[in-house]
Protein backbone atom coordinates (compact mmCIF):
# COMPACT_ATOMS: atom_id res chain seq x y z
CA MET A 1 -0.08 -0.14 -0.07
CA ASP A 2 1.60 3.40 -1.06
CA PHE A 3 1.54 6.23 1.51
CA GLY A 4 -1.60 7.88 0.18
CA ALA A 5 -3.61 4.71 0.60
CA ARG A 6 -2.12 4.28 4.01
CA PHE A 7 -2.90 7.75 5.19
CA SER A 8 -6.50 7.35 3.82
CA ALA A 9 -6.95 4.17 5.67
CA PHE A 10 -5.51 5.73 8.92
CA ARG A 11 -7.79 8.85 8.55
CA GLY A 12 -10.82 6.52 8.05
CA LYS A 13 -10.05 4.61 11.24
CA ALA A 14 -8.97 7.32 13.35
CA PHE A 15 -11.68 9.89 12.63
CA PRO A 16 -14.51 8.13 14.46
CA VAL A 17 -12.32 7.40 17.41
CA VAL A 18 -11.58 11.20 17.85
CA PHE A 19 -14.98 11.99 17.18
CA ALA A 20 -16.31 9.72 19.83
CA LEU A 21 -13.86 11.00 22.54
CA THR A 22 -14.95 14.68 21.74
CA ILE A 23 -18.64 13.70 22.04
CA ALA A 24 -17.99 11.77 25.26
CA ALA A 25 -15.94 14.69 26.76
CA CYS A 26 -18.80 17.12 25.94
CA GLU A 27 -21.26 14.77 27.66
CA SER A 28 -19.08 13.83 30.54
CA PRO A 29 -20.28 15.36 33.96
CA GLN A 30 -16.52 16.25 34.42
CA GLY A 31 -16.49 18.38 31.39
CA ASP A 32 -16.66 22.20 31.18
CA THR A 33 -20.25 23.42 31.33
CA PRO A 34 -21.06 25.77 28.48
CA VAL A 35 -21.63 29.38 29.74
CA ASP A 36 -23.53 31.94 27.67
CA ARG A 37 -21.96 35.30 28.47
CA GLY A 38 -24.09 37.19 26.12
CA ALA A 39 -22.96 39.83 23.57
CA PRO A 40 -19.88 41.91 24.48
CA PRO A 41 -21.06 45.43 25.66
CA PRO A 42 -20.99 47.75 22.37
CA ASN A 43 -18.93 50.29 24.24
CA GLY A 44 -16.09 47.93 24.95
CA THR A 45 -14.72 46.36 28.19
CA ASP A 46 -11.42 48.36 28.84
CA LEU A 47 -11.26 51.44 31.31
CA ARG A 48 -13.27 54.40 30.97
CA ILE A 49 -12.08 57.97 31.32
CA ARG A 50 -13.24 58.47 34.76
CA ASP A 51 -11.43 55.46 35.85
CA ILE A 52 -7.86 56.82 34.95
CA ALA A 53 -8.87 60.68 35.50
CA ASP A 54 -10.49 60.86 38.74
CA PRO A 55 -8.22 62.15 41.39
CA ARG A 56 -10.21 60.67 44.42
CA ASP A 57 -9.76 57.25 43.20
CA PRO A 58 -6.88 55.44 45.30
CA LYS A 59 -5.29 54.09 42.31
CA HIS A 60 -5.22 57.33 40.30
CA ALA A 61 -1.62 58.01 40.95
CA ALA A 62 -0.55 54.69 39.41
CA TYR A 63 -2.15 55.62 36.13
CA VAL A 64 -0.05 58.72 35.59
CA ASN A 65 2.44 58.46 32.90
CA THR A 66 1.54 55.03 31.99
CA SER A 67 -0.06 53.57 28.78
CA GLN A 68 -3.64 52.84 29.31
CA LEU A 69 -6.41 51.18 27.29
CA VAL A 70 -9.82 53.22 27.28
CA SER A 71 -12.92 52.10 25.48
CA GLY A 72 -16.39 53.86 24.56
CA ALA A 73 -15.03 57.51 24.39
CA VAL A 74 -17.41 59.48 22.36
CA VAL A 75 -16.16 62.57 20.49
CA VAL A 76 -17.37 65.80 22.01
CA ALA A 77 -15.52 68.27 19.79
CA VAL A 78 -12.69 68.45 17.28
CA ASP A 79 -10.75 71.65 17.27
CA ARG A 80 -10.50 72.72 13.58
CA TYR A 81 -10.55 76.48 14.21
CA ASP A 82 -7.03 78.06 13.92
CA GLU A 83 -7.69 81.17 16.34
CA THR A 84 -3.94 82.03 16.30
CA LYS A 85 -3.80 81.79 12.51
CA ASN A 86 -0.40 79.98 12.57
CA GLY A 87 -1.50 76.58 12.37
CA LYS A 88 -0.73 75.80 16.02
CA GLY A 89 -4.29 76.34 17.41
CA THR A 90 -5.90 73.31 15.94
CA GLY A 91 -5.90 69.39 16.43
CA THR A 92 -7.17 68.76 19.86
CA VAL A 93 -9.98 66.25 20.10
CA TYR A 94 -12.30 66.30 23.11
CA VAL A 95 -14.02 63.02 24.38
CA GLN A 96 -15.95 61.84 27.21
CA ASP A 97 -17.34 58.48 28.36
CA LEU A 98 -20.67 57.37 26.62
CA ALA A 99 -23.81 58.11 28.97
CA ALA A 100 -21.66 60.43 31.03
CA THR A 101 -23.76 62.51 33.45
CA LYS A 102 -23.55 64.96 36.50
CA ALA A 103 -23.34 61.94 38.74
CA THR A 104 -20.32 60.69 36.72
CA PRO A 105 -17.61 63.59 36.80
CA TYR A 106 -14.03 63.21 35.70
CA ALA A 107 -15.60 61.51 32.55
CA GLY A 108 -13.96 63.71 29.97
CA ILE A 109 -10.40 64.61 28.71
CA SER A 110 -8.43 65.86 25.58
CA LEU A 111 -6.43 64.08 23.30
CA PHE A 112 -2.95 65.42 22.28
CA SER A 113 -1.71 64.34 18.94
CA PRO A 114 -3.71 61.24 18.27
CA THR A 115 -3.46 58.98 15.34
CA PHE A 116 -6.41 56.95 13.98
CA THR A 117 -7.33 53.73 12.54
CA PRO A 118 -8.16 53.89 9.58
CA SER A 119 -5.64 56.34 9.04
CA ASN A 120 -8.00 58.38 6.88
CA LEU A 121 -10.58 58.70 9.65
CA ALA A 122 -11.99 62.16 10.12
CA VAL A 123 -13.36 61.88 13.58
CA ALA A 124 -16.49 64.08 14.34
CA PRO A 125 -18.99 64.59 17.43
CA GLY A 126 -20.72 61.36 18.10
CA ASP A 127 -18.01 58.92 16.99
CA VAL A 128 -17.11 56.41 19.51
CA LEU A 129 -13.54 55.47 19.99
CA ASP A 130 -11.04 53.03 21.63
CA LEU A 131 -7.93 54.65 22.82
CA ARG A 132 -4.58 53.42 23.66
CA GLY A 133 -2.09 56.12 25.01
CA VAL A 134 -0.31 57.57 27.94
CA TYR A 135 -2.50 59.42 30.57
CA GLN A 136 -0.54 62.48 31.73
CA GLU A 137 -0.96 65.25 34.12
CA ASN A 138 0.98 68.19 32.80
CA THR A 139 2.21 71.05 34.92
CA GLU A 140 3.44 73.20 32.12
CA VAL A 141 3.04 73.28 28.30
CA PRO A 142 5.23 75.35 28.06
CA VAL A 143 4.09 77.80 30.56
CA LYS A 144 3.97 76.82 34.21
CA PHE A 145 0.53 76.13 35.78
CA PRO A 146 -0.55 76.77 39.22
CA LEU A 147 0.54 74.43 41.78
CA GLY A 148 -1.77 71.67 42.04
CA ALA A 149 -3.57 72.29 38.87
CA PRO A 150 -2.17 70.18 36.07
CA LEU A 151 -3.70 69.62 32.61
CA PRO A 152 -4.93 66.03 32.24
CA GLN A 153 -4.51 64.54 28.77
CA VAL A 154 -4.05 61.32 26.91
CA ALA A 155 -0.95 61.69 24.80
CA GLN A 156 -0.34 60.41 21.16
CA PRO A 157 -3.06 57.94 21.68
CA ALA A 158 -3.78 55.28 18.78
CA ALA A 159 -7.84 55.72 18.27
CA SER A 160 -9.68 53.22 16.57
CA PHE A 161 -13.40 53.82 15.54
CA ARG A 162 -15.91 51.73 17.09
CA PHE A 163 -19.36 53.15 15.99
CA GLU A 164 -21.26 56.36 15.58
CA THR A 165 -23.91 57.76 17.83
CA GLU A 166 -25.62 61.08 18.62
CA PRO A 167 -23.19 63.64 20.33
CA PRO A 168 -23.78 63.78 23.85
CA ALA A 169 -26.12 66.25 25.59
CA PRO A 170 -24.59 68.96 27.74
CA ILE A 171 -24.38 68.76 31.54
CA ASP A 172 -25.83 71.87 33.43
CA ILE A 173 -23.24 73.27 35.89
CA ALA A 174 -22.74 76.32 37.97
CA VAL A 175 -20.27 78.87 36.57
CA GLU A 176 -18.81 79.39 39.91
CA ASP A 177 -17.41 75.86 39.64
CA LEU A 178 -15.00 76.92 36.97
CA ALA A 179 -13.12 79.40 39.29
CA ASP A 180 -12.12 76.65 41.37
CA TYR A 181 -9.73 74.29 39.90
CA ALA A 182 -10.82 71.45 42.16
CA LYS A 183 -14.28 71.74 41.23
CA GLY A 184 -13.86 72.69 37.75
CA ARG A 185 -11.58 69.87 36.81
CA GLN A 186 -14.63 67.36 37.43
CA TRP A 187 -15.83 68.71 33.80
CA LEU A 188 -12.66 69.16 31.71
CA GLY A 189 -13.21 67.67 28.37
CA MET A 190 -16.91 67.31 28.87
CA LEU A 191 -19.76 69.21 27.21
CA VAL A 192 -21.55 71.43 29.70
CA ARG A 193 -24.03 74.36 30.04
CA ILE A 194 -24.00 77.47 32.02
CA THR A 195 -26.91 79.86 32.03
CA ASN A 196 -27.86 83.53 32.94
CA ILE A 197 -24.49 84.98 32.80
CA GLU A 198 -24.19 89.02 32.29
CA ILE A 199 -21.02 90.00 30.73
CA SER A 200 -19.57 92.47 33.05
CA GLN A 201 -16.42 93.40 31.03
CA ASN A 202 -15.98 93.85 27.18
CA PRO A 203 -14.27 90.89 25.50
CA PHE A 204 -10.35 90.81 25.24
CA THR A 205 -8.47 90.00 22.09
CA ALA A 206 -4.85 89.07 22.47
CA ALA A 207 -2.36 89.90 20.14
CA ASN A 208 -2.07 86.11 19.18
CA GLY A 209 -5.76 86.19 18.05
CA ARG A 210 -7.04 84.39 21.23
CA TYR A 211 -10.50 86.04 22.19
CA SER A 212 -11.94 85.81 25.69
CA ILE A 213 -14.85 86.96 27.72
CA ASP A 214 -14.65 87.23 31.36
CA LEU A 215 -17.02 84.93 33.35
CA PRO A 216 -18.00 85.64 37.15
CA PRO A 217 -17.06 85.63 40.03
CA ALA A 218 -13.52 85.38 40.88
CA PRO A 219 -10.67 87.94 40.16
CA ARG A 220 -8.37 87.17 37.57
CA GLY A 221 -4.75 85.91 38.54
CA GLU A 222 -1.98 88.07 37.36
CA LYS A 223 0.06 85.08 35.89
CA CYS A 224 -0.29 81.77 34.67
CA GLU A 225 1.24 80.22 37.72
CA SER A 226 -0.89 82.30 40.00
CA PRO A 227 -2.96 80.21 42.43
CA PHE A 228 -6.70 79.56 42.16
CA PRO A 229 -9.32 81.15 42.35
CA LYS A 230 -9.26 82.54 38.94
CA THR A 231 -11.61 84.07 36.40
CA ALA A 232 -13.00 81.50 34.03
CA THR A 233 -13.25 82.50 30.51
CA LEU A 234 -15.50 82.11 27.35
CA VAL A 235 -13.10 81.56 24.56
CA ASN A 236 -12.63 81.37 20.69
CA ASP A 237 -10.91 77.99 20.67
CA LEU A 238 -13.47 76.15 18.28
CA PHE A 239 -15.03 78.88 16.33
CA ASP A 240 -14.89 82.64 15.50
CA LEU A 241 -16.67 83.80 18.77
CA GLY A 242 -15.63 87.26 18.11
CA ALA A 243 -18.08 87.57 14.97
CA LEU A 244 -21.16 87.42 17.43
CA GLY A 245 -20.36 91.02 18.49
CA LEU A 246 -20.84 90.27 22.30
CA LYS A 247 -20.09 93.23 24.60
CA LYS A 248 -20.55 94.40 28.27
CA GLY A 249 -24.02 94.18 29.28
CA ASP A 250 -25.20 91.46 27.16
CA THR A 251 -26.65 88.64 28.94
CA LEU A 252 -25.72 84.87 28.11
CA GLU A 253 -29.00 83.20 28.67
CA SER A 254 -27.51 79.92 27.66
CA VAL A 255 -23.85 78.91 26.70
CA VAL A 256 -22.94 75.21 25.75
CA GLY A 257 -19.30 74.31 25.41
CA VAL A 258 -16.34 72.02 26.26
CA VAL A 259 -14.48 72.80 29.55
CA SER A 260 -10.73 73.23 28.68
CA TYR A 261 -7.81 74.30 30.54
CA LEU A 262 -4.58 76.47 30.08
CA CYS A 263 -3.77 78.60 33.23
CA ASN A 264 -7.31 79.04 33.96
CA LEU A 265 -10.46 77.11 33.13
CA LYS A 266 -12.61 77.89 30.19
CA ILE A 267 -15.52 77.08 28.10
CA ALA A 268 -15.37 76.81 24.32
CA PRO A 269 -18.60 76.91 22.36
CA ARG A 270 -18.45 74.93 19.15
CA SER A 271 -20.66 77.15 17.16
CA PRO A 272 -23.01 80.11 17.22
CA ALA A 273 -26.06 77.70 17.93
CA ASP A 274 -24.20 76.91 21.40
CA ILE A 275 -25.03 80.58 22.49
CA GLN A 276 -28.36 82.16 23.30
CA VAL A 277 -27.73 85.82 24.09
CA ARG A 278 -30.14 88.80 25.16
CA LYS A 279 -28.46 92.05 24.15
CA ALA A 280 -28.21 95.06 26.09
CA ASN A 281 -30.45 97.96 25.27
């Protein structure tokens, strides 16, 4: 008998034995019991943003400057508006945990220099991402921040697209929270809403093109490293806020925006639709 014939004969004899053993193992009381674990959660099983960013968590310090896997991060806003007109004012992506609420603070963060899979992915609000990057708490970039008031970010994350959903709804907060870093930090990177703010000073435009409106109630610190409390500001990070012609005496009946941080806490509206204003007489 040649090799092919011997192999055919062997296969014909061995297969029933193996098959029988397999069936016997499945039917044996000592075998593993099949478990239906259900479908995996659609927003992934890795850490959430609030798991790594909440400074109250006893494990928080261990996450700083380490690579972390985060899943279920929904895009809140993408900075495509170059307010400084030098190409350096764009690129930041703001994300927060899916289904984040006021009861789940520390659920937002900004992404520094992300890359995407697929490489041509142009993310937009409502896109849900999985992230792998280094969680950082920066104390200067390049200016020095106030003591105890770092900028949390996920640095150079590899971001992969999971699915698309509706952009998150804003969370109502008190504007006074943003004068205090410890209170305002809860909402960094998240979409929030403040209401009934009277503009007490005319807007300020810096030489580099950054435009801001002071929000009550705290006095402004003189330098970036000056301690909190500090005046929070409404800023033009995400669109041409100056084009609205806001001025002293106008009342901001409602402002929706992303909470960001650089020396002081800020709210960045995404478009004119985020602002409802009652003009002064």
